[in-house]
């Protein structure tokens, strides 16, 4: 259960030093993915926020990891070709075990319903 002040696996100990825009450009370049995957990632995050309005806080401690997790899930679900998690972890600048934990946690947040249909 999430609540005000509750830390999750998405919360960093410190606010990341890399600005969010710079981080997103880095992920786009390293992940070699199109803009649509970022849009789907934002839809996933919006689902998380809407489903947990009062209990899940997105802030400067969590946004980098949430975006990374959502982007990873969107790529894996919708792209035919993608890298290994070891490569994604290297590109994102985190350990493989941490990336695996973030991915698993994000799938739980969206209840393993990755499919998004605009219709």
N, C-alpha and C. Protein backbone atom coordinates (compact mmCIF):
# COMPACT_ATOMS: atom_id res chain seq x y z
N UNK A 1 0.85 -1.18 0.00
CA UNK A 1 0.00 0.00 0.00
C UNK A 1 0.89 1.23 0.00
N UNK A 2 0.54 2.18 -0.84
CA UNK A 2 1.28 3.43 -0.92
C UNK A 2 0.57 4.48 -0.09
N UNK A 3 1.29 5.41 0.40
CA UNK A 3 0.72 6.51 1.15
C UNK A 3 1.65 7.69 1.12
N UNK A 4 1.20 8.83 1.61
CA UNK A 4 2.06 10.00 1.63
C UNK A 4 3.35 9.69 2.39
N UNK A 5 4.45 9.99 1.77
CA UNK A 5 5.73 9.78 2.42
C UNK A 5 6.27 8.37 2.32
N UNK A 6 5.52 7.46 1.69
CA UNK A 6 5.97 6.09 1.55
C UNK A 6 6.95 6.01 0.39
N UNK A 7 8.09 5.41 0.66
CA UNK A 7 9.09 5.25 -0.38
C UNK A 7 8.87 3.93 -1.10
N UNK A 8 9.07 3.94 -2.40
CA UNK A 8 8.94 2.74 -3.21
C UNK A 8 10.28 2.47 -3.89
N UNK A 9 10.34 1.38 -4.61
CA UNK A 9 11.56 1.07 -5.35
C UNK A 9 11.87 2.11 -6.41
N UNK A 10 10.90 2.95 -6.74
CA UNK A 10 11.10 3.99 -7.76
C UNK A 10 11.73 5.25 -7.19
N UNK A 11 11.75 5.37 -5.88
CA UNK A 11 12.31 6.56 -5.24
C UNK A 11 13.81 6.41 -5.03
N UNK A 12 14.55 7.36 -5.55
CA UNK A 12 16.00 7.40 -5.35
C UNK A 12 16.29 7.97 -3.96
N UNK A 13 17.45 7.65 -3.44
CA UNK A 13 17.87 8.20 -2.15
C UNK A 13 18.07 9.71 -2.28
N UNK A 14 18.65 10.11 -3.40
CA UNK A 14 18.87 11.53 -3.70
C UNK A 14 18.22 11.86 -5.04
N UNK A 15 17.90 13.12 -5.24
CA UNK A 15 17.39 13.55 -6.53
C UNK A 15 18.50 13.34 -7.56
N UNK A 16 18.21 12.67 -8.68
CA UNK A 16 19.24 12.47 -9.70
C UNK A 16 19.83 13.80 -10.17
N UNK A 17 21.13 13.80 -10.40
CA UNK A 17 21.81 15.04 -10.81
C UNK A 17 21.58 15.36 -12.28
N UNK A 18 21.23 14.36 -13.08
CA UNK A 18 20.99 14.60 -14.50
C UNK A 18 19.59 15.19 -14.67
N UNK A 19 19.48 16.33 -15.35
CA UNK A 19 18.16 16.91 -15.58
C UNK A 19 17.27 15.94 -16.37
N UNK A 20 15.98 15.99 -16.11
CA UNK A 20 15.06 15.05 -16.72
C UNK A 20 15.12 15.11 -18.25
N UNK A 21 15.14 16.29 -18.82
CA UNK A 21 15.20 16.42 -20.28
C UNK A 21 16.45 15.78 -20.86
N UNK A 22 17.57 16.00 -20.21
CA UNK A 22 18.83 15.40 -20.64
C UNK A 22 18.76 13.88 -20.54
N UNK A 23 18.17 13.39 -19.46
CA UNK A 23 18.03 11.95 -19.26
C UNK A 23 17.15 11.33 -20.35
N UNK A 24 16.04 11.99 -20.67
CA UNK A 24 15.15 11.46 -21.70
C UNK A 24 15.83 11.45 -23.07
N UNK A 25 16.58 12.49 -23.38
CA UNK A 25 17.31 12.51 -24.65
C UNK A 25 18.35 11.39 -24.69
N UNK A 26 18.99 11.16 -23.57
CA UNK A 26 19.97 10.07 -23.48
C UNK A 26 19.30 8.72 -23.72
N UNK A 27 18.16 8.50 -23.07
CA UNK A 27 17.45 7.24 -23.26
C UNK A 27 17.00 7.08 -24.71
N UNK A 28 16.50 8.13 -25.31
CA UNK A 28 16.05 8.06 -26.71
C UNK A 28 17.21 7.69 -27.62
N UNK A 29 18.36 8.29 -27.38
CA UNK A 29 19.54 8.02 -28.21
C UNK A 29 20.06 6.60 -27.98
N UNK A 30 20.23 6.22 -26.73
CA UNK A 30 20.82 4.92 -26.41
C UNK A 30 19.85 3.76 -26.69
N UNK A 31 18.57 3.96 -26.39
CA UNK A 31 17.59 2.90 -26.59
C UNK A 31 17.21 2.76 -28.06
N UNK A 32 17.50 3.79 -28.86
CA UNK A 32 17.23 3.77 -30.29
C UNK A 32 15.76 3.45 -30.57
N UNK A 33 14.88 4.19 -29.89
CA UNK A 33 13.45 3.93 -30.04
C UNK A 33 12.74 5.20 -30.52
N UNK A 34 11.57 5.01 -31.10
CA UNK A 34 10.82 6.14 -31.62
C UNK A 34 10.04 6.85 -30.51
N UNK A 35 9.53 8.00 -30.86
CA UNK A 35 8.78 8.83 -29.93
C UNK A 35 7.53 8.13 -29.40
N UNK A 36 6.94 7.26 -30.20
CA UNK A 36 5.71 6.59 -29.78
C UNK A 36 5.89 5.82 -28.47
N UNK A 37 7.08 5.28 -28.25
CA UNK A 37 7.32 4.53 -27.01
C UNK A 37 7.32 5.45 -25.79
N UNK A 38 7.76 6.68 -25.98
CA UNK A 38 7.71 7.66 -24.89
C UNK A 38 6.26 8.05 -24.60
N UNK A 39 5.46 8.15 -25.65
CA UNK A 39 4.04 8.48 -25.47
C UNK A 39 3.34 7.36 -24.71
N UNK A 40 3.60 6.13 -25.11
CA UNK A 40 3.00 4.99 -24.41
C UNK A 40 3.47 4.96 -22.95
N UNK A 41 4.74 5.25 -22.73
CA UNK A 41 5.27 5.29 -21.36
C UNK A 41 4.52 6.31 -20.52
N UNK A 42 4.23 7.47 -21.09
CA UNK A 42 3.48 8.50 -20.37
C UNK A 42 2.05 8.05 -20.09
N UNK A 43 1.46 7.32 -21.02
CA UNK A 43 0.12 6.78 -20.79
C UNK A 43 0.15 5.79 -19.62
N UNK A 44 1.17 4.95 -19.58
CA UNK A 44 1.30 4.01 -18.46
C UNK A 44 1.42 4.76 -17.13
N UNK A 45 2.25 5.78 -17.10
CA UNK A 45 2.43 6.54 -15.86
C UNK A 45 1.13 7.23 -15.47
N UNK A 46 0.40 7.74 -16.46
CA UNK A 46 -0.89 8.36 -16.19
C UNK A 46 -1.85 7.35 -15.58
N UNK A 47 -1.84 6.13 -16.07
CA UNK A 47 -2.67 5.06 -15.50
C UNK A 47 -2.34 4.81 -14.04
N UNK A 48 -1.04 4.77 -13.76
CA UNK A 48 -0.60 4.56 -12.38
C UNK A 48 -1.12 5.68 -11.50
N UNK A 49 -0.95 6.90 -11.95
CA UNK A 49 -1.36 8.06 -11.16
C UNK A 49 -2.88 8.10 -10.98
N UNK A 50 -3.63 7.83 -12.04
CA UNK A 50 -5.09 7.85 -11.94
C UNK A 50 -5.61 6.76 -11.03
N UNK A 51 -4.98 5.61 -11.06
CA UNK A 51 -5.42 4.49 -10.24
C UNK A 51 -5.06 4.64 -8.78
N UNK A 52 -4.14 5.54 -8.48
CA UNK A 52 -3.66 5.71 -7.10
C UNK A 52 -3.52 7.19 -6.76
N UNK A 53 -4.55 7.95 -7.04
CA UNK A 53 -4.50 9.42 -6.87
C UNK A 53 -3.94 9.87 -5.53
N UNK A 54 -4.43 9.29 -4.48
CA UNK A 54 -4.07 9.75 -3.14
C UNK A 54 -2.85 9.06 -2.56
N UNK A 55 -2.42 7.98 -3.17
CA UNK A 55 -1.41 7.17 -2.51
C UNK A 55 -0.07 7.10 -3.21
N UNK A 56 0.01 7.49 -4.46
CA UNK A 56 1.27 7.37 -5.19
C UNK A 56 1.78 8.74 -5.58
N UNK A 57 2.93 9.09 -5.08
CA UNK A 57 3.51 10.40 -5.33
C UNK A 57 4.60 10.30 -6.39
N UNK A 58 4.43 11.08 -7.44
CA UNK A 58 5.47 11.20 -8.46
C UNK A 58 6.17 12.52 -8.20
N UNK A 59 7.47 12.44 -7.99
CA UNK A 59 8.23 13.65 -7.69
C UNK A 59 9.64 13.53 -8.26
N UNK A 60 10.49 14.47 -7.91
CA UNK A 60 11.85 14.49 -8.47
C UNK A 60 12.69 13.30 -8.01
N UNK A 61 12.26 12.61 -6.96
CA UNK A 61 12.97 11.42 -6.50
C UNK A 61 12.57 10.17 -7.29
N UNK A 62 11.39 10.20 -7.91
CA UNK A 62 10.87 8.99 -8.56
C UNK A 62 10.68 9.08 -10.07
N UNK A 63 10.61 10.27 -10.62
CA UNK A 63 10.23 10.41 -12.03
C UNK A 63 11.22 9.76 -12.99
N UNK A 64 12.51 9.86 -12.75
CA UNK A 64 13.49 9.25 -13.65
C UNK A 64 13.27 7.73 -13.74
N UNK A 65 13.12 7.11 -12.60
CA UNK A 65 12.97 5.65 -12.57
C UNK A 65 11.61 5.20 -13.10
N UNK A 66 10.58 5.99 -12.84
CA UNK A 66 9.27 5.66 -13.40
C UNK A 66 9.30 5.74 -14.92
N UNK A 67 9.88 6.81 -15.46
CA UNK A 67 9.95 6.94 -16.91
C UNK A 67 10.79 5.83 -17.53
N UNK A 68 11.90 5.51 -16.91
CA UNK A 68 12.73 4.42 -17.41
C UNK A 68 11.94 3.11 -17.44
N UNK A 69 11.25 2.81 -16.36
CA UNK A 69 10.49 1.56 -16.27
C UNK A 69 9.36 1.52 -17.29
N UNK A 70 8.63 2.61 -17.39
CA UNK A 70 7.52 2.68 -18.34
C UNK A 70 8.01 2.57 -19.77
N UNK A 71 9.12 3.22 -20.07
CA UNK A 71 9.70 3.14 -21.41
C UNK A 71 10.14 1.72 -21.73
N UNK A 72 10.79 1.08 -20.80
CA UNK A 72 11.25 -0.30 -21.00
C UNK A 72 10.07 -1.23 -21.27
N UNK A 73 9.02 -1.11 -20.49
CA UNK A 73 7.84 -1.96 -20.68
C UNK A 73 7.19 -1.68 -22.04
N UNK A 74 7.08 -0.42 -22.42
CA UNK A 74 6.46 -0.10 -23.71
C UNK A 74 7.28 -0.66 -24.88
N UNK A 75 8.58 -0.55 -24.80
CA UNK A 75 9.44 -1.09 -25.87
C UNK A 75 9.30 -2.60 -25.95
N UNK A 76 9.36 -3.26 -24.83
CA UNK A 76 9.30 -4.72 -24.84
C UNK A 76 7.95 -5.24 -25.33
N UNK A 77 6.90 -4.50 -25.04
CA UNK A 77 5.58 -4.98 -25.44
C UNK A 77 5.29 -4.68 -26.91
N UNK A 78 5.75 -3.54 -27.41
CA UNK A 78 5.35 -3.12 -28.75
C UNK A 78 6.42 -3.22 -29.83
N UNK A 79 7.67 -3.38 -29.48
CA UNK A 79 8.73 -3.43 -30.49
C UNK A 79 9.13 -4.88 -30.73
N UNK A 80 9.37 -5.21 -31.98
CA UNK A 80 9.78 -6.57 -32.32
C UNK A 80 11.23 -6.85 -31.94
N UNK A 81 12.04 -5.83 -31.95
CA UNK A 81 13.47 -5.99 -31.64
C UNK A 81 13.83 -5.07 -30.49
N UNK A 82 14.42 -5.63 -29.47
CA UNK A 82 14.87 -4.80 -28.35
C UNK A 82 16.11 -5.42 -27.73
N UNK A 83 16.81 -4.61 -26.95
CA UNK A 83 18.06 -5.03 -26.32
C UNK A 83 17.78 -5.90 -25.10
N UNK A 84 18.83 -6.46 -24.55
CA UNK A 84 18.72 -7.20 -23.29
C UNK A 84 18.64 -6.20 -22.14
N UNK A 85 18.15 -6.66 -21.00
CA UNK A 85 18.09 -5.78 -19.83
C UNK A 85 19.49 -5.34 -19.40
N UNK A 86 20.49 -6.17 -19.65
CA UNK A 86 21.87 -5.78 -19.31
C UNK A 86 22.27 -4.54 -20.10
N UNK A 87 21.89 -4.50 -21.38
CA UNK A 87 22.19 -3.32 -22.19
C UNK A 87 21.39 -2.11 -21.72
N UNK A 88 20.09 -2.31 -21.48
CA UNK A 88 19.27 -1.19 -21.02
C UNK A 88 19.79 -0.63 -19.70
N UNK A 89 20.21 -1.49 -18.80
CA UNK A 89 20.76 -1.04 -17.52
C UNK A 89 22.01 -0.19 -17.74
N UNK A 90 22.88 -0.65 -18.62
CA UNK A 90 24.10 0.10 -18.93
C UNK A 90 23.75 1.47 -19.52
N UNK A 91 22.82 1.49 -20.47
CA UNK A 91 22.41 2.74 -21.10
C UNK A 91 21.81 3.71 -20.08
N UNK A 92 21.05 3.16 -19.13
CA UNK A 92 20.37 3.99 -18.13
C UNK A 92 21.28 4.39 -16.97
N UNK A 93 22.42 3.72 -16.86
CA UNK A 93 23.36 4.05 -15.80
C UNK A 93 23.01 3.45 -14.45
N UNK A 94 22.34 2.29 -14.46
CA UNK A 94 22.00 1.62 -13.21
C UNK A 94 22.41 0.15 -13.29
N UNK A 95 22.39 -0.52 -12.15
CA UNK A 95 22.74 -1.94 -12.11
C UNK A 95 21.60 -2.78 -12.72
N UNK A 96 21.97 -3.93 -13.26
CA UNK A 96 20.99 -4.83 -13.87
C UNK A 96 19.93 -5.26 -12.86
N UNK A 97 20.34 -5.62 -11.67
CA UNK A 97 19.37 -6.06 -10.65
C UNK A 97 18.36 -4.96 -10.34
N UNK A 98 18.83 -3.72 -10.33
CA UNK A 98 17.92 -2.60 -10.07
C UNK A 98 16.93 -2.42 -11.22
N UNK A 99 17.42 -2.53 -12.45
CA UNK A 99 16.52 -2.41 -13.60
C UNK A 99 15.48 -3.52 -13.58
N UNK A 100 15.90 -4.74 -13.30
CA UNK A 100 14.96 -5.85 -13.23
C UNK A 100 13.89 -5.60 -12.16
N UNK A 101 14.30 -5.08 -11.03
CA UNK A 101 13.36 -4.77 -9.95
C UNK A 101 12.39 -3.67 -10.36
N UNK A 102 12.89 -2.65 -11.04
CA UNK A 102 12.03 -1.56 -11.50
C UNK A 102 11.01 -2.06 -12.52
N UNK A 103 11.47 -2.88 -13.44
CA UNK A 103 10.56 -3.42 -14.46
C UNK A 103 9.47 -4.27 -13.81
N UNK A 104 9.86 -5.14 -12.92
CA UNK A 104 8.89 -6.00 -12.23
C UNK A 104 7.90 -5.16 -11.41
N UNK A 105 8.41 -4.17 -10.72
CA UNK A 105 7.56 -3.30 -9.93
C UNK A 105 6.59 -2.49 -10.78
N UNK A 106 7.07 -2.03 -11.92
CA UNK A 106 6.19 -1.25 -12.79
C UNK A 106 5.09 -2.13 -13.39
N UNK A 107 5.44 -3.34 -13.77
CA UNK A 107 4.42 -4.26 -14.28
C UNK A 107 3.35 -4.51 -13.22
N UNK A 108 3.75 -4.60 -11.97
CA UNK A 108 2.77 -4.77 -10.89
C UNK A 108 1.89 -3.52 -10.76
N UNK A 109 2.49 -2.35 -10.92
CA UNK A 109 1.71 -1.11 -10.81
C UNK A 109 0.64 -1.01 -11.88
N UNK A 110 0.96 -1.46 -13.08
CA UNK A 110 -0.04 -1.39 -14.14
C UNK A 110 -0.82 -2.70 -14.27
N UNK A 111 -0.68 -3.55 -13.27
CA UNK A 111 -1.43 -4.80 -13.18
C UNK A 111 -1.21 -5.72 -14.37
N UNK A 112 -0.01 -5.69 -14.92
CA UNK A 112 0.36 -6.54 -16.05
C UNK A 112 -0.55 -6.36 -17.26
N UNK A 113 -1.18 -5.21 -17.38
CA UNK A 113 -2.02 -4.92 -18.53
C UNK A 113 -1.30 -3.90 -19.40
N UNK A 114 -0.29 -4.36 -20.15
CA UNK A 114 0.53 -3.47 -20.94
C UNK A 114 -0.17 -2.94 -22.18
N UNK A 115 -1.15 -3.68 -22.67
CA UNK A 115 -1.75 -3.30 -23.95
C UNK A 115 -2.53 -2.00 -23.82
N UNK A 116 -2.22 -1.08 -24.69
CA UNK A 116 -2.96 0.17 -24.74
C UNK A 116 -3.59 0.30 -26.11
N UNK A 117 -4.86 0.53 -26.14
CA UNK A 117 -5.55 0.77 -27.40
C UNK A 117 -6.21 2.14 -27.33
N UNK A 118 -5.92 3.00 -28.30
CA UNK A 118 -6.52 4.33 -28.29
C UNK A 118 -7.99 4.31 -28.68
N UNK A 119 -8.53 3.15 -29.05
CA UNK A 119 -9.92 3.09 -29.51
C UNK A 119 -10.83 2.52 -28.45
